[in-house]
Amino acid sequence: MRISVYRKAHFNAAHRLHNPNWSDEKNKAVFGLCNNAHYHGHNYDLEVRVTGEVDPDTGYLIDLKILKDIIKSEVENAFDHKNLNLEVPEFKDLNPTAENICYVIWKKIKAKLDDKYELGVRLFETPRNFVEYPA
């Protein structure tokens, strides 16, 4: 039987949308308030979806404690109460847009999962704005 399981998580983080190859004027025109030189923050909500075949011996697709621990170590501990631009190595040279944050989270979790699983990540930057990978 093929099925999906979900796990929700939450983290708070600050960021600044900025392209160092552009002038200050162009950055402000493109990114608006999100280009604030003093950064700004979001209360991010995360939904992680794992899809695959149920193990006939356990009745589980994946032990949700394992998924919880992966999300805790790879996302919550890495991103929560951090300035993404300054404290998270993945964003040293990558603009921390919601799209890029979502993809980085997907890569970090995927690296810890068995290849037999499909993974989907949905990241809410606000209650009304969210991104999903893969689309």
N, C-alpha and C. Protein backbone atom coordinates (compact mmCIF):
# COMPACT_ATOMS: atom_id res chain seq x y z
N MET A 1 0.85 -1.18 0.00
CA MET A 1 0.00 0.00 0.00
C MET A 1 0.90 1.24 0.00
N ARG A 2 0.62 2.15 -0.91
CA ARG A 2 1.35 3.42 -1.01
C ARG A 2 0.58 4.49 -0.25
N ILE A 3 1.29 5.24 0.58
CA ILE A 3 0.64 6.23 1.43
C ILE A 3 1.61 7.36 1.75
N SER A 4 1.07 8.47 2.24
CA SER A 4 1.90 9.59 2.70
C SER A 4 1.63 9.86 4.17
N VAL A 5 2.68 10.21 4.89
CA VAL A 5 2.57 10.68 6.26
C VAL A 5 3.14 12.09 6.32
N TYR A 6 2.66 12.86 7.28
CA TYR A 6 3.05 14.27 7.40
C TYR A 6 3.53 14.56 8.80
N ARG A 7 4.45 15.49 8.88
CA ARG A 7 4.91 16.01 10.17
C ARG A 7 5.00 17.53 10.06
N LYS A 8 4.46 18.23 11.04
CA LYS A 8 4.53 19.68 11.07
C LYS A 8 5.62 20.12 12.03
N ALA A 9 6.20 21.28 11.74
CA ALA A 9 7.22 21.86 12.61
C ALA A 9 7.13 23.38 12.49
N HIS A 10 7.90 24.06 13.32
CA HIS A 10 7.86 25.52 13.36
C HIS A 10 9.24 26.04 13.72
N PHE A 11 9.61 27.17 13.14
CA PHE A 11 10.83 27.86 13.56
C PHE A 11 10.68 29.34 13.29
N ASN A 12 11.43 30.14 14.03
CA ASN A 12 11.48 31.58 13.86
C ASN A 12 12.86 31.93 13.34
N ALA A 13 12.91 32.80 12.35
CA ALA A 13 14.22 33.19 11.81
C ALA A 13 14.13 34.56 11.17
N ALA A 14 15.28 35.22 11.14
CA ALA A 14 15.40 36.52 10.49
C ALA A 14 16.16 36.34 9.18
N HIS A 15 15.90 37.25 8.24
CA HIS A 15 16.64 37.23 6.99
C HIS A 15 16.56 38.60 6.32
N ARG A 16 17.34 38.73 5.30
CA ARG A 16 17.31 39.91 4.44
C ARG A 16 17.41 39.43 3.01
N LEU A 17 16.49 39.87 2.16
CA LEU A 17 16.57 39.54 0.74
C LEU A 17 17.44 40.61 0.09
N HIS A 18 18.53 40.15 -0.51
CA HIS A 18 19.52 41.09 -1.04
C HIS A 18 20.37 40.38 -2.07
N ASN A 19 20.61 41.06 -3.19
CA ASN A 19 21.53 40.56 -4.20
C ASN A 19 22.76 41.47 -4.19
N PRO A 20 23.91 40.95 -3.75
CA PRO A 20 25.10 41.81 -3.63
C PRO A 20 25.61 42.33 -4.97
N ASN A 21 25.15 41.76 -6.07
CA ASN A 21 25.57 42.22 -7.40
C ASN A 21 24.77 43.42 -7.89
N TRP A 22 23.73 43.78 -7.14
CA TRP A 22 22.87 44.90 -7.52
C TRP A 22 23.15 46.13 -6.67
N SER A 23 22.74 47.26 -7.17
CA SER A 23 22.84 48.51 -6.40
C SER A 23 21.81 48.48 -5.27
N ASP A 24 22.03 49.36 -4.28
CA ASP A 24 21.05 49.48 -3.19
C ASP A 24 19.68 49.84 -3.73
N GLU A 25 19.66 50.71 -4.75
CA GLU A 25 18.39 51.14 -5.33
C GLU A 25 17.65 49.98 -5.98
N LYS A 26 18.38 49.15 -6.72
CA LYS A 26 17.72 48.01 -7.38
C LYS A 26 17.24 47.00 -6.34
N ASN A 27 18.04 46.73 -5.31
CA ASN A 27 17.62 45.82 -4.25
C ASN A 27 16.34 46.31 -3.58
N LYS A 28 16.28 47.59 -3.29
CA LYS A 28 15.08 48.14 -2.65
C LYS A 28 13.89 48.08 -3.59
N ALA A 29 14.12 48.31 -4.88
CA ALA A 29 13.02 48.26 -5.85
C ALA A 29 12.47 46.84 -6.00
N VAL A 30 13.35 45.86 -5.99
CA VAL A 30 12.92 44.47 -6.20
C VAL A 30 12.39 43.85 -4.91
N PHE A 31 13.10 44.02 -3.80
CA PHE A 31 12.77 43.32 -2.56
C PHE A 31 11.99 44.16 -1.56
N GLY A 32 11.89 45.47 -1.78
CA GLY A 32 11.10 46.34 -0.90
C GLY A 32 11.51 46.24 0.55
N LEU A 33 10.52 46.13 1.44
CA LEU A 33 10.78 46.07 2.88
C LEU A 33 11.63 44.86 3.27
N CYS A 34 11.61 43.83 2.46
CA CYS A 34 12.38 42.62 2.76
C CYS A 34 13.88 42.83 2.58
N ASN A 35 14.27 43.99 2.04
CA ASN A 35 15.68 44.33 1.87
C ASN A 35 16.21 45.14 3.04
N ASN A 36 15.46 45.29 4.10
CA ASN A 36 15.88 46.06 5.27
C ASN A 36 17.28 45.63 5.71
N ALA A 37 18.21 46.58 5.76
CA ALA A 37 19.59 46.29 6.13
C ALA A 37 19.71 45.71 7.54
N HIS A 38 18.70 45.92 8.36
CA HIS A 38 18.71 45.40 9.73
C HIS A 38 17.93 44.09 9.86
N TYR A 39 17.55 43.52 8.72
CA TYR A 39 16.87 42.23 8.65
C TYR A 39 15.43 42.33 9.15
N HIS A 40 14.70 41.27 8.99
CA HIS A 40 13.33 41.15 9.49
C HIS A 40 13.06 39.67 9.71
N GLY A 41 12.01 39.36 10.47
CA GLY A 41 11.80 37.97 10.84
C GLY A 41 10.45 37.42 10.45
N HIS A 42 10.38 36.10 10.48
CA HIS A 42 9.14 35.37 10.19
C HIS A 42 8.99 34.23 11.19
N ASN A 43 7.75 33.86 11.42
CA ASN A 43 7.40 32.66 12.16
C ASN A 43 7.03 31.61 11.12
N TYR A 44 8.00 30.79 10.75
CA TYR A 44 7.81 29.82 9.67
C TYR A 44 7.10 28.57 10.18
N ASP A 45 6.15 28.09 9.40
CA ASP A 45 5.51 26.80 9.65
C ASP A 45 5.92 25.86 8.53
N LEU A 46 6.22 24.65 8.90
CA LEU A 46 6.75 23.66 7.97
C LEU A 46 5.87 22.41 7.98
N GLU A 47 5.60 21.89 6.79
CA GLU A 47 4.94 20.59 6.65
C GLU A 47 5.84 19.70 5.81
N VAL A 48 6.17 18.55 6.36
CA VAL A 48 7.02 17.59 5.65
C VAL A 48 6.18 16.37 5.31
N ARG A 49 6.21 15.97 4.05
CA ARG A 49 5.45 14.80 3.58
C ARG A 49 6.41 13.72 3.13
N VAL A 50 6.22 12.52 3.65
CA VAL A 50 7.00 11.36 3.22
C VAL A 50 6.02 10.37 2.60
N THR A 51 6.35 9.91 1.39
CA THR A 51 5.47 9.01 0.65
C THR A 51 6.24 7.74 0.29
N GLY A 52 5.53 6.62 0.37
CA GLY A 52 6.15 5.35 -0.01
C GLY A 52 5.23 4.20 0.32
N GLU A 53 5.84 3.03 0.43
CA GLU A 53 5.11 1.79 0.71
C GLU A 53 5.14 1.47 2.20
N VAL A 54 4.01 1.03 2.72
CA VAL A 54 3.91 0.63 4.12
C VAL A 54 4.67 -0.68 4.32
N ASP A 55 5.46 -0.72 5.37
CA ASP A 55 6.20 -1.93 5.74
C ASP A 55 5.19 -2.94 6.30
N PRO A 56 5.08 -4.11 5.70
CA PRO A 56 4.08 -5.08 6.16
C PRO A 56 4.36 -5.61 7.57
N ASP A 57 5.60 -5.55 8.02
CA ASP A 57 5.94 -6.06 9.35
C ASP A 57 5.57 -5.07 10.45
N THR A 58 5.76 -3.76 10.20
CA THR A 58 5.49 -2.76 11.24
C THR A 58 4.14 -2.07 11.06
N GLY A 59 3.66 -2.04 9.82
CA GLY A 59 2.46 -1.26 9.54
C GLY A 59 2.77 0.22 9.37
N TYR A 60 4.03 0.59 9.48
CA TYR A 60 4.49 1.97 9.31
C TYR A 60 4.99 2.21 7.90
N LEU A 61 4.80 3.43 7.42
CA LEU A 61 5.57 3.90 6.27
C LEU A 61 6.97 4.25 6.77
N ILE A 62 7.00 5.09 7.81
CA ILE A 62 8.23 5.49 8.49
C ILE A 62 7.85 5.75 9.94
N ASP A 63 8.74 5.43 10.84
CA ASP A 63 8.51 5.74 12.24
C ASP A 63 8.52 7.26 12.38
N LEU A 64 7.41 7.86 12.79
CA LEU A 64 7.33 9.31 12.87
C LEU A 64 8.30 9.91 13.89
N LYS A 65 8.75 9.13 14.85
CA LYS A 65 9.78 9.61 15.78
C LYS A 65 11.08 9.85 15.02
N ILE A 66 11.40 8.99 14.08
CA ILE A 66 12.60 9.18 13.26
C ILE A 66 12.47 10.46 12.43
N LEU A 67 11.31 10.65 11.80
CA LEU A 67 11.09 11.86 11.01
C LEU A 67 11.16 13.10 11.89
N LYS A 68 10.54 13.03 13.07
CA LYS A 68 10.58 14.15 14.03
C LYS A 68 12.03 14.50 14.37
N ASP A 69 12.85 13.50 14.63
CA ASP A 69 14.24 13.74 15.01
C ASP A 69 15.05 14.34 13.86
N ILE A 70 14.78 13.91 12.64
CA ILE A 70 15.46 14.47 11.47
C ILE A 70 15.11 15.95 11.31
N ILE A 71 13.82 16.26 11.41
CA ILE A 71 13.38 17.65 11.28
C ILE A 71 13.99 18.50 12.40
N LYS A 72 14.02 17.96 13.60
CA LYS A 72 14.59 18.69 14.73
C LYS A 72 16.06 19.02 14.49
N SER A 73 16.83 18.03 14.08
CA SER A 73 18.27 18.25 13.92
C SER A 73 18.61 19.05 12.66
N GLU A 74 17.93 18.77 11.56
CA GLU A 74 18.30 19.38 10.28
C GLU A 74 17.66 20.74 10.03
N VAL A 75 16.52 21.01 10.68
CA VAL A 75 15.81 22.26 10.42
C VAL A 75 15.69 23.10 11.68
N GLU A 76 15.00 22.59 12.67
CA GLU A 76 14.73 23.41 13.85
C GLU A 76 16.03 23.84 14.55
N ASN A 77 16.91 22.91 14.84
CA ASN A 77 18.17 23.27 15.50
C ASN A 77 19.03 24.16 14.61
N ALA A 78 18.97 23.96 13.31
CA ALA A 78 19.82 24.70 12.37
C ALA A 78 19.30 26.10 12.08
N PHE A 79 17.97 26.31 12.09
CA PHE A 79 17.39 27.57 11.64
C PHE A 79 16.71 28.39 12.74
N ASP A 80 16.22 27.74 13.79
CA ASP A 80 15.38 28.45 14.76
C ASP A 80 16.16 29.52 15.52
N HIS A 81 15.56 30.72 15.56
CA HIS A 81 16.14 31.89 16.22
C HIS A 81 17.52 32.23 15.67
N LYS A 82 17.67 32.08 14.36
CA LYS A 82 18.92 32.40 13.69
C LYS A 82 18.68 33.50 12.66
N ASN A 83 19.74 34.21 12.36
CA ASN A 83 19.74 35.10 11.21
C ASN A 83 20.23 34.24 10.05
N LEU A 84 19.35 33.92 9.12
CA LEU A 84 19.68 32.99 8.06
C LEU A 84 20.88 33.47 7.23
N ASN A 85 20.93 34.76 6.95
CA ASN A 85 22.01 35.31 6.14
C ASN A 85 23.37 35.15 6.82
N LEU A 86 23.40 35.32 8.13
CA LEU A 86 24.67 35.39 8.85
C LEU A 86 25.06 34.11 9.58
N GLU A 87 24.09 33.29 9.95
CA GLU A 87 24.38 32.16 10.83
C GLU A 87 24.16 30.79 10.21
N VAL A 88 23.58 30.72 9.04
CA VAL A 88 23.27 29.43 8.42
C VAL A 88 24.14 29.28 7.17
N PRO A 89 25.09 28.35 7.19
CA PRO A 89 26.06 28.24 6.09
C PRO A 89 25.43 28.10 4.70
N GLU A 90 24.30 27.43 4.60
CA GLU A 90 23.67 27.22 3.29
C GLU A 90 23.28 28.54 2.62
N PHE A 91 23.15 29.60 3.40
CA PHE A 91 22.73 30.89 2.83
C PHE A 91 23.88 31.91 2.75
N LYS A 92 25.09 31.42 2.90
CA LYS A 92 26.24 32.32 2.78
C LYS A 92 26.24 33.00 1.42
N ASP A 93 25.97 32.23 0.36
CA ASP A 93 25.96 32.77 -1.00
C ASP A 93 24.62 32.53 -1.71
N LEU A 94 23.58 32.28 -0.93
CA LEU A 94 22.26 31.99 -1.49
C LEU A 94 21.23 32.90 -0.81
N ASN A 95 20.50 33.67 -1.60
CA ASN A 95 19.50 34.58 -1.07
C ASN A 95 18.42 33.77 -0.34
N PRO A 96 18.17 34.04 0.95
CA PRO A 96 17.23 33.22 1.72
C PRO A 96 15.76 33.59 1.47
N THR A 97 15.34 33.46 0.23
CA THR A 97 13.93 33.61 -0.11
C THR A 97 13.17 32.40 0.41
N ALA A 98 11.87 32.48 0.50
CA ALA A 98 11.08 31.32 0.92
C ALA A 98 11.35 30.14 0.00
N GLU A 99 11.49 30.42 -1.30
CA GLU A 99 11.75 29.35 -2.27
C GLU A 99 13.07 28.64 -1.95
N ASN A 100 14.12 29.43 -1.71
CA ASN A 100 15.42 28.83 -1.43
C ASN A 100 15.46 28.15 -0.07
N ILE A 101 14.79 28.71 0.92
CA ILE A 101 14.74 28.07 2.24
C ILE A 101 14.05 26.71 2.12
N CYS A 102 12.95 26.67 1.42
CA CYS A 102 12.20 25.42 1.23
C CYS A 102 13.08 24.37 0.56
N TYR A 103 13.79 24.75 -0.49
CA TYR A 103 14.65 23.80 -1.21
C TYR A 103 15.80 23.32 -0.33
N VAL A 104 16.40 24.22 0.43
CA VAL A 104 17.49 23.83 1.34
C VAL A 104 16.98 22.84 2.38
N ILE A 105 15.80 23.10 2.93
CA ILE A 105 15.21 22.17 3.90
C ILE A 105 14.99 20.82 3.24
N TRP A 106 14.46 20.81 2.03
CA TRP A 106 14.23 19.55 1.32
C TRP A 106 15.55 18.77 1.16
N LYS A 107 16.60 19.45 0.75
CA LYS A 107 17.89 18.79 0.55
C LYS A 107 18.44 18.22 1.86
N LYS A 108 18.31 18.98 2.94
CA LYS A 108 18.83 18.53 4.23
C LYS A 108 18.08 17.31 4.75
N ILE A 109 16.76 17.32 4.61
CA ILE A 109 15.98 16.17 5.08
C ILE A 109 16.19 14.97 4.15
N LYS A 110 16.19 15.21 2.85
CA LYS A 110 16.35 14.13 1.87
C LYS A 110 17.66 13.37 2.10
N ALA A 111 18.71 14.09 2.46
CA ALA A 111 20.01 13.47 2.69
C ALA A 111 19.98 12.49 3.87
N LYS A 112 19.00 12.64 4.76
CA LYS A 112 18.90 11.77 5.94
C LYS A 112 17.89 10.64 5.78
N LEU A 113 17.12 10.67 4.70
CA LEU A 113 16.08 9.65 4.47
C LEU A 113 16.58 8.55 3.54
N ASP A 114 16.04 7.37 3.73
CA ASP A 114 16.29 6.27 2.81
C ASP A 114 15.76 6.65 1.43
N ASP A 115 16.45 6.25 0.39
CA ASP A 115 16.06 6.58 -0.99
C ASP A 115 14.70 6.01 -1.38
N LYS A 116 14.17 5.05 -0.63
CA LYS A 116 12.88 4.47 -0.98
C LYS A 116 11.72 5.44 -0.74
N TYR A 117 11.98 6.54 -0.04
CA TYR A 117 10.93 7.51 0.26
C TYR A 117 10.95 8.67 -0.71
N GLU A 118 9.74 9.13 -1.07
CA GLU A 118 9.59 10.42 -1.75
C GLU A 118 9.37 11.46 -0.66
N LEU A 119 9.88 12.67 -0.90
CA LEU A 119 9.80 13.73 0.11
C LEU A 119 9.18 14.97 -0.50
N GLY A 120 8.31 15.62 0.25
CA GLY A 120 7.75 16.90 -0.13
C GLY A 120 7.84 17.85 1.05
N VAL A 121 8.14 19.10 0.78
CA VAL A 121 8.25 20.11 1.83
C VAL A 121 7.38 21.30 1.46
N ARG A 122 6.58 21.73 2.41
CA ARG A 122 5.76 22.94 2.26
C ARG A 122 6.16 23.89 3.38
N LEU A 123 6.54 25.11 3.00
CA LEU A 123 7.01 26.10 3.97
C LEU A 123 6.11 27.33 3.91
N PHE A 124 5.52 27.66 5.05
CA PHE A 124 4.68 28.85 5.18
C PHE A 124 5.53 29.97 5.77
N GLU A 125 5.71 31.04 4.98
CA GLU A 125 6.42 32.21 5.49
C GLU A 125 5.46 33.08 6.29
N THR A 126 4.22 33.12 5.85
CA THR A 126 3.12 33.76 6.57
C THR A 126 1.93 32.81 6.43
N PRO A 127 0.84 33.05 7.15
CA PRO A 127 -0.32 32.17 6.99
C PRO A 127 -0.87 32.16 5.56
N ARG A 128 -0.60 33.22 4.78
CA ARG A 128 -1.13 33.30 3.42
C ARG A 128 -0.10 33.06 2.33
N ASN A 129 1.18 33.05 2.67
CA ASN A 129 2.23 32.87 1.66
C ASN A 129 3.03 31.61 1.97
N PHE A 130 3.04 30.68 1.02
CA PHE A 130 3.81 29.46 1.22
C PHE A 130 4.36 28.96 -0.10
N VAL A 131 5.40 28.14 0.02
CA VAL A 131 6.06 27.52 -1.13
C VAL A 131 6.11 26.02 -0.88
N GLU A 132 6.28 25.28 -1.97
CA GLU A 132 6.31 23.82 -1.87
C GLU A 132 7.33 23.27 -2.84
N TYR A 133 8.12 22.28 -2.35
CA TYR A 133 9.07 21.58 -3.22
C TYR A 133 9.00 20.10 -2.91
N PRO A 134 8.98 19.25 -3.94
CA PRO A 134 8.81 19.63 -5.34
C PRO A 134 7.40 20.11 -5.61
N ALA A 135 7.29 20.87 -6.68
CA ALA A 135 5.98 21.47 -7.04
C ALA A 135 5.07 20.42 -7.64
